[in-house]
Amino acid sequence: CDVDLLLATLCTRSIQTREGNIIKALDCNAAVAGRDALAKTVYARLFDWLVDKINRSVGQDINSPMQIGVLDIYGFECFKDN
């Protein structure tokens, strides 16, 4: 991962004009929204990958009526004891 590229991507936006590129800094709220969107996407893709790996390791047949489900309930990480 290129840290400088990630920083530039999250903190600036590039506008294409006839004269060339204009780089504009994002305000704090826009940068935070971009960071949060990236985190949600990474989490969702990682979760989907993990579920796929588990299904493959237990030999899950997509046509089978039996399945194992994983329920991820938002907020449980806030409890002292889960």
C-alpha atoms as a PDB file:
ATOM      1  CA  CYS A   1       0.000   0.000   0.000  1.00  0.00           C
ATOM      2  CA  ASP A   2       1.327   3.414  -0.946  1.00  0.00           C
ATOM      3  CA  VAL A   3       0.677   5.567   2.132  1.00  0.00           C
ATOM      4  CA  ASP A   4       1.126   8.848   0.263  1.00  0.00           C
ATOM      5  CA  LEU A   5      -1.340   7.804  -2.440  1.00  0.00           C
ATOM      6  CA  LEU A   6      -3.885   6.726   0.177  1.00  0.00           C
ATOM      7  CA  LEU A   7      -3.488  10.026   2.029  1.00  0.00           C
ATOM      8  CA  ALA A   8      -3.891  12.020  -1.186  1.00  0.00           C
ATOM      9  CA  THR A   9      -6.930   9.977  -2.206  1.00  0.00           C
ATOM     10  CA  LEU A  10      -8.669  10.463   1.134  1.00  0.00           C
ATOM     11  CA  CYS A  11      -7.786  14.141   1.620  1.00  0.00           C
ATOM     12  CA  THR A  12      -7.988  15.661  -1.862  1.00  0.00           C
ATOM     13  CA  ARG A  13     -10.016  15.500  -5.018  1.00  0.00           C
ATOM     14  CA  SER A  14      -8.817  15.946  -8.562  1.00  0.00           C
ATOM     15  CA  ILE A  15     -10.809  17.992 -11.054  1.00  0.00           C
ATOM     16  CA  GLN A  16     -10.089  17.542 -14.773  1.00  0.00           C
ATOM     17  CA  THR A  17     -10.236  20.763 -16.798  1.00  0.00           C
ATOM     18  CA  ARG A  18      -9.105  21.676 -20.299  1.00  0.00           C
ATOM     19  CA  GLU A  19      -6.102  23.416 -18.795  1.00  0.00           C
ATOM     20  CA  GLY A  20      -5.132  20.377 -16.717  1.00  0.00           C
ATOM     21  CA  ASN A  21      -5.767  18.824 -13.324  1.00  0.00           C
ATOM     22  CA  ILE A  22      -6.757  20.900 -10.330  1.00  0.00           C
ATOM     23  CA  ILE A  23      -6.108  19.312  -6.943  1.00  0.00           C
ATOM     24  CA  LYS A  24      -8.409  20.559  -4.199  1.00  0.00           C
ATOM     25  CA  ALA A  25      -8.134  19.720  -0.501  1.00  0.00           C
ATOM     26  CA  LEU A  26     -11.259  18.203   1.027  1.00  0.00           C
ATOM     27  CA  ASP A  27     -12.701  19.606   4.228  1.00  0.00           C
ATOM     28  CA  CYS A  28     -12.523  17.459   7.353  1.00  0.00           C
ATOM     29  CA  ASN A  29     -16.096  16.146   7.027  1.00  0.00           C
ATOM     30  CA  ALA A  30     -15.574  15.026   3.423  1.00  0.00           C
ATOM     31  CA  ALA A  31     -12.276  13.330   4.304  1.00  0.00           C
ATOM     32  CA  VAL A  32     -13.904  11.520   7.242  1.00  0.00           C
ATOM     33  CA  ALA A  33     -16.790  10.395   5.017  1.00  0.00           C
ATOM     34  CA  GLY A  34     -14.309   8.998   2.486  1.00  0.00           C
ATOM     35  CA  ARG A  35     -12.340   7.241   5.214  1.00  0.00           C
ATOM     36  CA  ASP A  36     -15.497   5.706   6.655  1.00  0.00           C
ATOM     37  CA  ALA A  37     -16.711   4.569   3.225  1.00  0.00           C
ATOM     38  CA  LEU A  38     -13.347   2.915   2.577  1.00  0.00           C
ATOM     39  CA  ALA A  39     -13.422   1.174   5.969  1.00  0.00           C
ATOM     40  CA  LYS A  40     -16.960  -0.127   5.358  1.00  0.00           C
ATOM     41  CA  THR A  41     -15.998  -1.436   1.923  1.00  0.00           C
ATOM     42  CA  VAL A  42     -12.869  -3.174   3.230  1.00  0.00           C
ATOM     43  CA  TYR A  43     -14.863  -4.709   6.098  1.00  0.00           C
ATOM     44  CA  ALA A  44     -17.648  -5.922   3.783  1.00  0.00           C
ATOM     45  CA  ARG A  45     -15.212  -7.467   1.304  1.00  0.00           C
ATOM     46  CA  LEU A  46     -13.189  -9.112   4.078  1.00  0.00           C
ATOM     47  CA  PHE A  47     -16.353 -10.476   5.663  1.00  0.00           C
ATOM     48  CA  ASP A  48     -17.604 -11.867   2.329  1.00  0.00           C
ATOM     49  CA  TRP A  49     -14.188 -13.426   1.675  1.00  0.00           C
ATOM     50  CA  LEU A  50     -14.177 -15.001   5.139  1.00  0.00           C
ATOM     51  CA  VAL A  51     -17.679 -16.446   4.716  1.00  0.00           C
ATOM     52  CA  ASP A  52     -16.679 -17.845   1.314  1.00  0.00           C
ATOM     53  CA  LYS A  53     -13.550 -19.448   2.819  1.00  0.00           C
ATOM     54  CA  ILE A  54     -15.594 -21.006   5.633  1.00  0.00           C
ATOM     55  CA  ASN A  55     -18.211 -22.299   3.203  1.00  0.00           C
ATOM     56  CA  ARG A  56     -15.527 -23.831   0.992  1.00  0.00           C
ATOM     57  CA  SER A  57     -13.729 -25.423   3.945  1.00  0.00           C
ATOM     58  CA  VAL A  58     -16.895 -27.148   5.195  1.00  0.00           C
ATOM     59  CA  GLY A  59     -17.871 -28.203   1.684  1.00  0.00           C
ATOM     60  CA  GLN A  60     -20.957 -26.001   1.468  1.00  0.00           C
ATOM     61  CA  ASP A  61     -23.127 -26.951  -1.494  1.00  0.00           C
ATOM     62  CA  ILE A  62     -25.030 -23.857  -2.675  1.00  0.00           C
ATOM     63  CA  ASN A  63     -28.005 -26.102  -3.557  1.00  0.00           C
ATOM     64  CA  SER A  64     -28.106 -27.708  -0.117  1.00  0.00           C
ATOM     65  CA  PRO A  65     -31.056 -26.828   2.141  1.00  0.00           C
ATOM     66  CA  MET A  66     -28.693 -26.941   5.150  1.00  0.00           C
ATOM     67  CA  GLN A  67     -26.420 -24.021   5.852  1.00  0.00           C
ATOM     68  CA  ILE A  68     -24.369 -22.361   8.541  1.00  0.00           C
ATOM     69  CA  GLY A  69     -24.995 -18.675   9.085  1.00  0.00           C
ATOM     70  CA  VAL A  70     -22.823 -16.055  10.708  1.00  0.00           C
ATOM     71  CA  LEU A  71     -24.648 -13.159  12.324  1.00  0.00           C
ATOM     72  CA  ASP A  72     -22.625 -10.009  12.855  1.00  0.00           C
ATOM     73  CA  ILE A  73     -24.629  -7.677  15.066  1.00  0.00           C
ATOM     74  CA  TYR A  74     -23.360  -4.124  15.133  1.00  0.00           C
ATOM     75  CA  GLY A  75     -22.650  -2.835  18.615  1.00  0.00           C
ATOM     76  CA  PHE A  76     -21.763  -6.063  20.415  1.00  0.00           C
ATOM     77  CA  GLU A  77     -18.104  -5.035  20.464  1.00  0.00           C
ATOM     78  CA  CYS A  78     -19.111  -2.271  22.919  1.00  0.00           C
ATOM     79  CA  PHE A  79     -20.110  -4.706  25.682  1.00  0.00           C
ATOM     80  CA  LYS A  80     -17.638  -5.633  28.417  1.00  0.00           C
ATOM     81  CA  ASP A  81     -18.588  -9.324  28.042  1.00  0.00           C
ATOM     82  CA  ASN A  82     -19.823 -10.693  24.716  1.00  0.00           C
END
